[in-house]
């Protein structure tokens, strides 16, 4: 039976690649609902191709012809509502930024599987999301649904690093895990020092050496903020203390992450640098479908390099880890400030090094609270964004 999916953020990089997986496996995946931001024409073209009847847009479509028979809704509430569509089994949350938290929350609360590509859901709201995921996992297991070898699959990470760790942990005892090794490519500025980054342009920062991603996540990758967000995600996803999560630079991006065990053994997940692999695994779990890309050719791979990250130069990694370790609402503040600073840099209104400076300033001004609700986090997020706008450097 085909898995009926909603794709939130369908016109972005992850959304487009998710639809490619659906295109390759029409007998296994049925696209039921789509949600996008402003690219109405692209979303409607997707709806026509996949015969989708429900489309939500973040803003009113202009100069776009609505396909016949398609129900179009508009606004943030409409996008979040796609997560609870009655005909959907799996929600692929590929929304960009903190806006994805509400959709993740509603997905799990509605008892639907969450295939999560939105980092901020866990970074900002992990304290709210993970209890819901654990409850749904228990319910799925009680009903005999999902995998007998690992987690039942209520929350599947769409991320090369967390998807790798997820697979390395299948069949293992959590108490025997000594360390999670989250790999980083190092980005386009690996090896440079702080003084060499003063005049970096958006075009330079967007030139990632190994991955093809959207602009925001590409900038985050260059500053190593992306890796900091992934450390916080790993803490929540795998119930792992921060002192057992390490980042290692692996420039070839062939090793997607590793798990070290108490007996000294290490499991590493290797594969082609193509996001369709973790996307497909999130949709197929606990099964494996035919590969969506050419497999890695080890005879042509060459060497594998490893190095410690330079957190003095790339301070965003240290800031994110500090936010995660402090917990509460501080990760929400850190994330919101980063989104504003990155947007300003991409618009050439702020500097590259100013991203970390802005984030640190906003973090220092925040009185940390315990996380209580989605509404509370929305208020904290708005406060942090306003302060960040005043501190663009």
Protein backbone atom coordinates (compact mmCIF):
# COMPACT_ATOMS: atom_id res chain seq x y z
CA UNK A 1 0.00 0.00 0.00
CA UNK A 2 1.37 3.41 -1.00
CA UNK A 3 2.35 5.84 1.74
CA UNK A 4 0.26 8.97 1.44
CA UNK A 5 2.39 12.05 2.04
CA UNK A 6 2.08 15.78 2.50
CA UNK A 7 5.13 17.80 1.46
CA UNK A 8 5.50 21.07 3.35
CA UNK A 9 8.00 23.30 1.60
CA UNK A 10 7.46 21.48 -1.69
CA UNK A 11 9.22 24.07 -3.89
CA UNK A 12 12.42 24.19 -1.81
CA UNK A 13 15.47 21.97 -2.25
CA UNK A 14 14.29 19.15 0.05
CA UNK A 15 10.72 19.37 -1.20
CA UNK A 16 11.76 19.07 -4.85
CA UNK A 17 13.98 16.08 -4.07
CA UNK A 18 11.18 14.46 -2.05
CA UNK A 19 8.94 14.69 -5.08
CA UNK A 20 11.68 13.12 -7.17
CA UNK A 21 11.67 10.14 -4.81
CA UNK A 22 7.88 9.97 -5.21
CA UNK A 23 8.30 10.16 -8.98
CA UNK A 24 10.70 7.19 -8.90
CA UNK A 25 8.42 5.11 -6.67
CA UNK A 26 4.82 5.83 -7.75
CA UNK A 27 3.70 2.44 -6.42
CA UNK A 28 5.06 3.24 -2.95
CA UNK A 29 4.43 6.97 -2.50
CA UNK A 30 1.26 8.96 -3.17
CA UNK A 31 1.48 12.74 -2.86
CA UNK A 32 -1.77 13.98 -1.27
CA UNK A 33 -1.04 17.55 -0.17
CA UNK A 34 1.50 20.30 -0.89
CA UNK A 35 2.47 23.46 0.95
CA UNK A 36 4.77 26.19 -0.32
CA UNK A 37 5.68 29.78 0.42
CA UNK A 38 5.51 32.25 -2.45
CA UNK A 39 6.28 30.09 -5.48
CA UNK A 40 2.68 29.49 -6.49
CA UNK A 41 3.40 28.61 -10.13
CA UNK A 42 5.89 25.92 -9.11
CA UNK A 43 3.52 24.50 -6.49
CA UNK A 44 0.66 24.39 -9.00
CA UNK A 45 2.90 22.64 -11.56
CA UNK A 46 3.70 20.03 -8.90
CA UNK A 47 0.00 19.65 -8.13
CA UNK A 48 -0.75 19.02 -11.80
CA UNK A 49 1.99 16.42 -12.15
CA UNK A 50 1.09 14.46 -9.04
CA UNK A 51 -2.68 15.03 -9.26
CA UNK A 52 -2.73 16.74 -5.87
CA UNK A 53 -6.04 18.29 -4.81
CA UNK A 54 -4.92 20.25 -1.72
CA UNK A 55 -2.36 23.06 -1.88
CA UNK A 56 -1.52 25.59 0.84
CA UNK A 57 0.46 28.76 0.16
CA UNK A 58 2.14 31.05 2.63
CA UNK A 59 0.95 34.13 0.75
CA UNK A 60 -1.77 35.01 -1.77
CA UNK A 61 -0.86 33.74 -5.27
CA UNK A 62 -0.40 36.44 -7.90
CA UNK A 63 -0.51 35.93 -11.65
CA UNK A 64 -0.78 32.16 -11.15
CA UNK A 65 -3.47 29.99 -12.69
CA UNK A 66 -5.01 27.67 -10.12
CA UNK A 67 -5.31 24.16 -11.58
CA UNK A 68 -8.86 22.91 -12.05
CA UNK A 69 -10.07 20.83 -9.11
CA UNK A 70 -7.36 22.03 -6.72
CA UNK A 71 -8.40 23.44 -3.35
CA UNK A 72 -6.04 26.33 -2.47
CA UNK A 73 -5.76 27.78 1.03
CA UNK A 74 -3.55 30.70 2.07
CA UNK A 75 -1.63 31.73 5.18
CA UNK A 76 0.45 30.24 7.97
CA UNK A 77 -2.58 28.47 9.45
CA UNK A 78 -3.32 26.86 6.09
CA UNK A 79 0.24 25.56 5.77
CA UNK A 80 0.14 24.09 9.27
CA UNK A 81 -3.27 22.54 8.54
CA UNK A 82 -1.74 20.37 5.81
CA UNK A 83 0.00 18.47 8.63
CA UNK A 84 -3.36 17.22 9.90
CA UNK A 85 -4.96 16.40 6.54
CA UNK A 86 -7.11 13.29 7.11
CA UNK A 87 -5.81 11.47 4.02
CA UNK A 88 -2.13 11.90 4.94
CA UNK A 89 -0.02 9.17 6.60
CA UNK A 90 3.40 10.87 6.53
CA UNK A 91 4.20 14.58 6.70
CA UNK A 92 7.48 15.68 5.14
CA UNK A 93 8.31 18.92 6.94
CA UNK A 94 10.79 20.75 4.72
CA UNK A 95 9.72 24.24 5.78
CA UNK A 96 12.58 26.65 6.33
CA UNK A 97 13.12 28.22 9.74
CA UNK A 98 11.17 28.40 12.98
CA UNK A 99 7.87 28.36 11.06
CA UNK A 100 8.23 24.58 10.81
CA UNK A 101 7.85 24.00 14.56
CA UNK A 102 4.09 24.37 14.61
CA UNK A 103 3.69 21.97 11.68
CA UNK A 104 5.86 19.34 13.40
CA UNK A 105 3.91 19.72 16.63
CA UNK A 106 0.54 19.36 14.89
CA UNK A 107 1.76 16.38 12.82
CA UNK A 108 2.72 14.30 15.85
CA UNK A 109 -0.28 15.43 17.86
CA UNK A 110 -2.48 14.17 15.02
CA UNK A 111 -0.76 10.76 15.22
CA UNK A 112 0.96 11.04 11.84
CA UNK A 113 4.55 10.07 11.02
CA UNK A 114 6.86 13.07 10.84
CA UNK A 115 9.67 12.98 8.25
CA UNK A 116 11.62 15.94 9.53
CA UNK A 117 13.89 18.15 7.45
CA UNK A 118 13.14 21.29 9.47
CA UNK A 119 16.02 21.63 11.92
CA UNK A 120 14.38 24.34 13.96
CA UNK A 121 11.56 22.04 15.11
CA UNK A 122 13.95 20.25 17.43
CA UNK A 123 16.41 23.10 18.01
CA UNK A 124 13.64 25.43 19.18
CA UNK A 125 10.98 23.00 20.39
CA UNK A 126 12.70 19.68 21.09
CA UNK A 127 11.34 19.71 24.64
CA UNK A 128 7.81 19.72 23.17
CA UNK A 129 8.34 17.56 20.09
CA UNK A 130 10.21 14.58 21.53
CA UNK A 131 7.60 13.60 24.17
CA UNK A 132 4.97 13.57 21.41
CA UNK A 133 7.24 11.43 19.20
CA UNK A 134 7.93 9.01 22.07
CA UNK A 135 4.22 8.66 22.77
CA UNK A 136 3.42 7.98 19.11
CA UNK A 137 6.31 5.49 18.90
CA UNK A 138 4.86 3.58 21.85
CA UNK A 139 1.40 3.63 20.29
CA UNK A 140 2.74 2.39 16.94
CA UNK A 141 4.64 -0.41 18.62
CA UNK A 142 1.54 -1.45 20.59
CA UNK A 143 -0.36 -1.67 17.29
CA UNK A 144 2.42 -3.69 15.66
CA UNK A 145 3.29 -0.85 13.28
CA UNK A 146 6.82 0.12 12.31
CA UNK A 147 10.14 -1.58 12.86
CA UNK A 148 10.87 -4.38 15.30
CA UNK A 149 14.61 -3.59 15.06
CA UNK A 150 14.69 0.01 16.24
CA UNK A 151 12.38 2.93 16.87
CA UNK A 152 8.90 2.44 15.47
CA UNK A 153 9.47 5.40 13.18
CA UNK A 154 7.16 8.14 14.46
CA UNK A 155 9.87 10.73 13.77
CA UNK A 156 12.24 10.08 10.90
CA UNK A 157 15.07 12.58 10.39
CA UNK A 158 15.63 13.80 6.84
CA UNK A 159 19.24 14.75 7.28
CA UNK A 160 22.37 12.96 6.15
CA UNK A 161 23.94 13.15 9.63
CA UNK A 162 20.96 12.17 11.75
CA UNK A 163 19.74 9.63 9.23
CA UNK A 164 23.22 8.07 9.44
CA UNK A 165 23.19 7.96 13.24
CA UNK A 166 19.65 6.58 13.21
CA UNK A 167 20.74 3.67 11.04
CA UNK A 168 23.93 3.04 13.04
CA UNK A 169 21.84 2.71 16.22
CA UNK A 170 19.38 0.12 14.89
CA UNK A 171 19.70 -3.06 16.91
CA UNK A 172 22.06 -1.48 19.46
CA UNK A 173 21.64 -0.88 23.19
CA UNK A 174 21.47 2.83 24.05
CA UNK A 175 23.46 2.28 27.25
CA UNK A 176 26.37 0.96 25.17
CA UNK A 177 26.69 4.13 23.08
CA UNK A 178 29.81 6.04 24.06
CA UNK A 179 29.74 8.91 21.55
CA UNK A 180 27.93 10.29 18.53
CA UNK A 181 30.30 11.68 15.89
CA UNK A 182 28.54 14.29 13.75
CA UNK A 183 30.52 14.92 10.58
CA UNK A 184 30.97 18.29 8.87
CA UNK A 185 32.36 19.10 5.45
CA UNK A 186 33.96 22.26 6.84
CA UNK A 187 32.20 24.38 4.23
CA UNK A 188 33.83 26.59 1.58
CA UNK A 189 36.09 28.39 4.06
CA UNK A 190 37.68 25.41 5.78
CA UNK A 191 41.23 26.24 6.84
CA UNK A 192 40.79 30.00 6.78
CA UNK A 193 41.28 32.19 9.84
CA UNK A 194 38.95 34.83 11.19
CA UNK A 195 40.79 37.78 9.64
CA UNK A 196 40.43 36.16 6.20
CA UNK A 197 36.63 36.16 6.47
CA UNK A 198 36.04 39.89 7.00
CA UNK A 199 35.05 40.64 3.39
CA UNK A 200 33.25 37.42 2.44
CA UNK A 201 30.36 37.93 0.00
CA UNK A 202 27.10 35.96 -0.17
CA UNK A 203 28.18 34.44 -3.51
CA UNK A 204 31.37 33.07 -1.93
CA UNK A 205 29.50 31.66 1.08
CA UNK A 206 26.89 30.00 -1.16
CA UNK A 207 29.55 28.00 -3.04
CA UNK A 208 29.39 24.81 -0.94
CA UNK A 209 32.05 22.26 -1.95
CA UNK A 210 30.03 19.04 -1.65
CA UNK A 211 26.28 19.57 -1.02
CA UNK A 212 23.54 21.22 -3.07
CA UNK A 213 21.23 22.94 -0.59
CA UNK A 214 19.00 26.00 -0.17
CA UNK A 215 20.60 29.41 0.55
CA UNK A 216 19.88 29.63 4.29
CA UNK A 217 21.22 26.18 5.16
CA UNK A 218 24.21 26.74 2.85
CA UNK A 219 25.19 29.90 4.75
CA UNK A 220 24.68 28.02 8.03
CA UNK A 221 26.98 25.31 6.73
CA UNK A 222 29.68 27.85 5.92
CA UNK A 223 29.56 29.37 9.43
CA UNK A 224 29.26 25.90 11.07
CA UNK A 225 25.99 27.06 12.65
CA UNK A 226 24.36 24.20 10.76
CA UNK A 227 26.57 21.78 12.67
CA UNK A 228 25.67 23.46 15.94
CA UNK A 229 21.99 23.04 15.14
CA UNK A 230 22.64 19.38 14.35
CA UNK A 231 24.33 18.85 17.72
CA UNK A 232 21.19 20.14 19.45
CA UNK A 233 19.01 17.96 17.22
CA UNK A 234 21.12 14.89 18.01
CA UNK A 235 20.77 15.60 21.73
CA UNK A 236 16.99 15.51 21.41
CA UNK A 237 16.62 12.77 18.79
CA UNK A 238 18.86 10.24 20.50
CA UNK A 239 18.54 11.32 24.17
CA UNK A 240 22.29 11.88 24.26
CA UNK A 241 24.06 14.26 26.68
CA UNK A 242 26.10 16.99 25.03
CA UNK A 243 29.39 15.68 26.41
CA UNK A 244 28.83 12.56 24.31
CA UNK A 245 28.25 14.42 21.03
CA UNK A 246 31.32 15.50 19.04
CA UNK A 247 31.78 17.23 15.68
CA UNK A 248 34.53 16.13 13.30
CA UNK A 249 35.37 17.74 9.96
CA UNK A 250 35.30 15.18 7.12
CA UNK A 251 35.86 17.23 3.93
CA UNK A 252 34.90 14.54 1.41
CA UNK A 253 31.39 14.27 2.97
CA UNK A 254 31.56 10.53 2.31
CA UNK A 255 31.08 9.59 5.97
CA UNK A 256 27.75 11.05 7.01
CA UNK A 257 28.20 10.38 10.74
CA UNK A 258 29.46 7.72 13.15
CA UNK A 259 28.53 6.06 16.43
CA UNK A 260 31.19 4.94 18.90
CA UNK A 261 30.36 2.16 21.36
CA UNK A 262 31.63 1.30 24.83
CA UNK A 263 33.83 -1.55 23.55
CA UNK A 264 35.71 0.80 21.21
CA UNK A 265 33.85 -0.25 18.06
CA UNK A 266 32.69 2.47 15.68
CA UNK A 267 29.91 2.24 13.11
CA UNK A 268 30.14 4.71 10.22
CA UNK A 269 27.50 5.42 7.60
CA UNK A 270 28.94 6.13 4.14
CA UNK A 271 27.20 7.07 0.95
CA UNK A 272 26.85 9.39 -2.01
CA UNK A 273 26.36 13.07 -1.20
CA UNK A 274 22.75 13.24 -2.36
CA UNK A 275 19.85 14.16 -0.09
CA UNK A 276 17.49 11.80 -1.90
CA UNK A 277 19.08 8.91 0.00
CA UNK A 278 18.08 10.10 3.50
CA UNK A 279 14.77 11.40 2.15
CA UNK A 280 13.93 8.01 0.68
CA UNK A 281 14.98 6.17 3.84
CA UNK A 282 12.71 8.40 5.94
CA UNK A 283 9.81 7.46 3.66
CA UNK A 284 10.65 3.76 3.27
CA UNK A 285 11.59 2.87 6.88
CA UNK A 286 11.77 0.10 7.99
CA UNK A 287 12.12 -1.07 4.37
CA UNK A 288 14.80 -0.10 1.85
CA UNK A 289 13.83 0.73 -1.71
CA UNK A 290 15.98 0.76 -4.84
CA UNK A 291 18.67 3.44 -4.71
CA UNK A 292 17.62 6.86 -6.09
CA UNK A 293 21.23 7.65 -7.12
CA UNK A 294 24.40 5.91 -8.22
CA UNK A 295 26.06 4.24 -5.20
CA UNK A 296 29.41 5.38 -3.85
CA UNK A 297 32.36 3.90 -5.80
CA UNK A 298 35.00 3.14 -3.19
CA UNK A 299 37.65 2.54 -5.87
CA UNK A 300 37.37 6.21 -6.85
CA UNK A 301 36.84 7.73 -3.41
CA UNK A 302 40.50 8.22 -2.61
CA UNK A 303 41.46 9.35 0.89
CA UNK A 304 39.29 10.20 3.89
CA UNK A 305 40.43 13.16 5.97
CA UNK A 306 39.43 14.12 9.51
CA UNK A 307 40.06 17.26 11.55
CA UNK A 308 38.76 19.08 14.60
CA UNK A 309 36.49 22.06 13.86
CA UNK A 310 37.98 25.53 14.36
CA UNK A 311 35.49 27.03 16.80
CA UNK A 312 37.61 30.16 17.33
CA UNK A 313 37.16 31.13 13.69
CA UNK A 314 33.69 29.63 13.22
CA UNK A 315 32.13 30.78 16.49
CA UNK A 316 28.56 29.86 15.57
CA UNK A 317 29.25 26.21 16.40
CA UNK A 318 30.34 27.12 19.93
CA UNK A 319 27.40 29.50 20.37
CA UNK A 320 24.90 26.84 19.32
CA UNK A 321 26.42 24.22 21.61
CA UNK A 322 26.35 26.71 24.51
CA UNK A 323 22.68 27.43 23.80
CA UNK A 324 21.87 23.73 23.74
CA UNK A 325 23.72 23.00 26.96
CA UNK A 326 21.95 25.87 28.75
CA UNK A 327 18.63 24.73 27.27
CA UNK A 328 15.23 26.23 27.93
CA UNK A 329 14.37 29.08 25.59
CA UNK A 330 17.99 29.98 24.76
CA UNK A 331 18.17 27.75 21.63
CA UNK A 332 15.02 29.50 20.37
CA UNK A 333 16.69 32.89 20.82
CA UNK A 334 19.94 31.70 19.22
CA UNK A 335 18.09 30.29 16.22
CA UNK A 336 15.90 33.37 15.68
CA UNK A 337 18.87 35.73 15.83
CA UNK A 338 20.76 33.56 13.37
CA UNK A 339 17.86 33.55 10.89
CA UNK A 340 17.72 37.35 10.96
CA UNK A 341 21.51 37.75 10.69
CA UNK A 342 21.76 35.27 7.80
CA UNK A 343 18.90 36.99 5.93
CA UNK A 344 20.65 40.34 6.40
CA UNK A 345 23.92 38.91 5.10
CA UNK A 346 22.22 37.41 2.03
CA UNK A 347 20.59 40.80 1.38
CA UNK A 348 24.05 42.42 1.71
CA UNK A 349 22.83 44.42 4.71
CA UNK A 350 25.14 42.72 7.20
CA UNK A 351 28.61 41.20 7.22
CA UNK A 352 29.65 37.56 7.31
CA UNK A 353 31.44 37.81 10.66
CA UNK A 354 28.53 39.91 11.91
CA UNK A 355 26.31 36.80 11.90
CA UNK A 356 28.02 35.33 14.97
CA UNK A 357 28.33 38.75 16.62
CA UNK A 358 24.59 39.35 16.28
CA UNK A 359 23.71 35.91 17.63
CA UNK A 360 25.98 36.30 20.64
CA UNK A 361 24.61 39.74 21.50
CA UNK A 362 20.99 38.55 21.45
CA UNK A 363 21.82 35.44 23.49
CA UNK A 364 23.53 37.55 26.15
CA UNK A 365 20.45 39.78 26.50
CA UNK A 366 18.00 36.91 27.05
CA UNK A 367 16.58 35.79 30.41
CA UNK A 368 16.25 32.04 29.89
CA UNK A 369 12.92 30.36 30.70
CA UNK A 370 11.79 26.75 30.76
CA UNK A 371 9.97 25.71 27.58
CA UNK A 372 6.22 25.50 28.21
CA UNK A 373 4.31 25.88 24.93
CA UNK A 374 4.45 26.64 21.23
CA UNK A 375 2.84 30.01 21.95
CA UNK A 376 5.56 30.90 24.47
CA UNK A 377 8.27 29.99 21.97
CA UNK A 378 6.58 32.16 19.32
CA UNK A 379 6.75 35.15 21.70
CA UNK A 380 10.42 34.50 22.53
CA UNK A 381 11.18 34.06 18.83
CA UNK A 382 9.55 37.43 18.00
CA UNK A 383 11.49 39.18 20.79
CA UNK A 384 14.80 37.72 19.57
CA UNK A 385 14.13 38.69 15.95
CA UNK A 386 13.34 42.26 16.88
CA UNK A 387 16.53 42.57 18.94
CA UNK A 388 18.58 40.88 16.20
CA UNK A 389 17.39 43.44 13.65
CA UNK A 390 18.77 46.17 15.92
CA UNK A 391 22.14 44.40 16.07
CA UNK A 392 22.96 43.65 12.44
CA UNK A 393 26.69 44.21 12.08
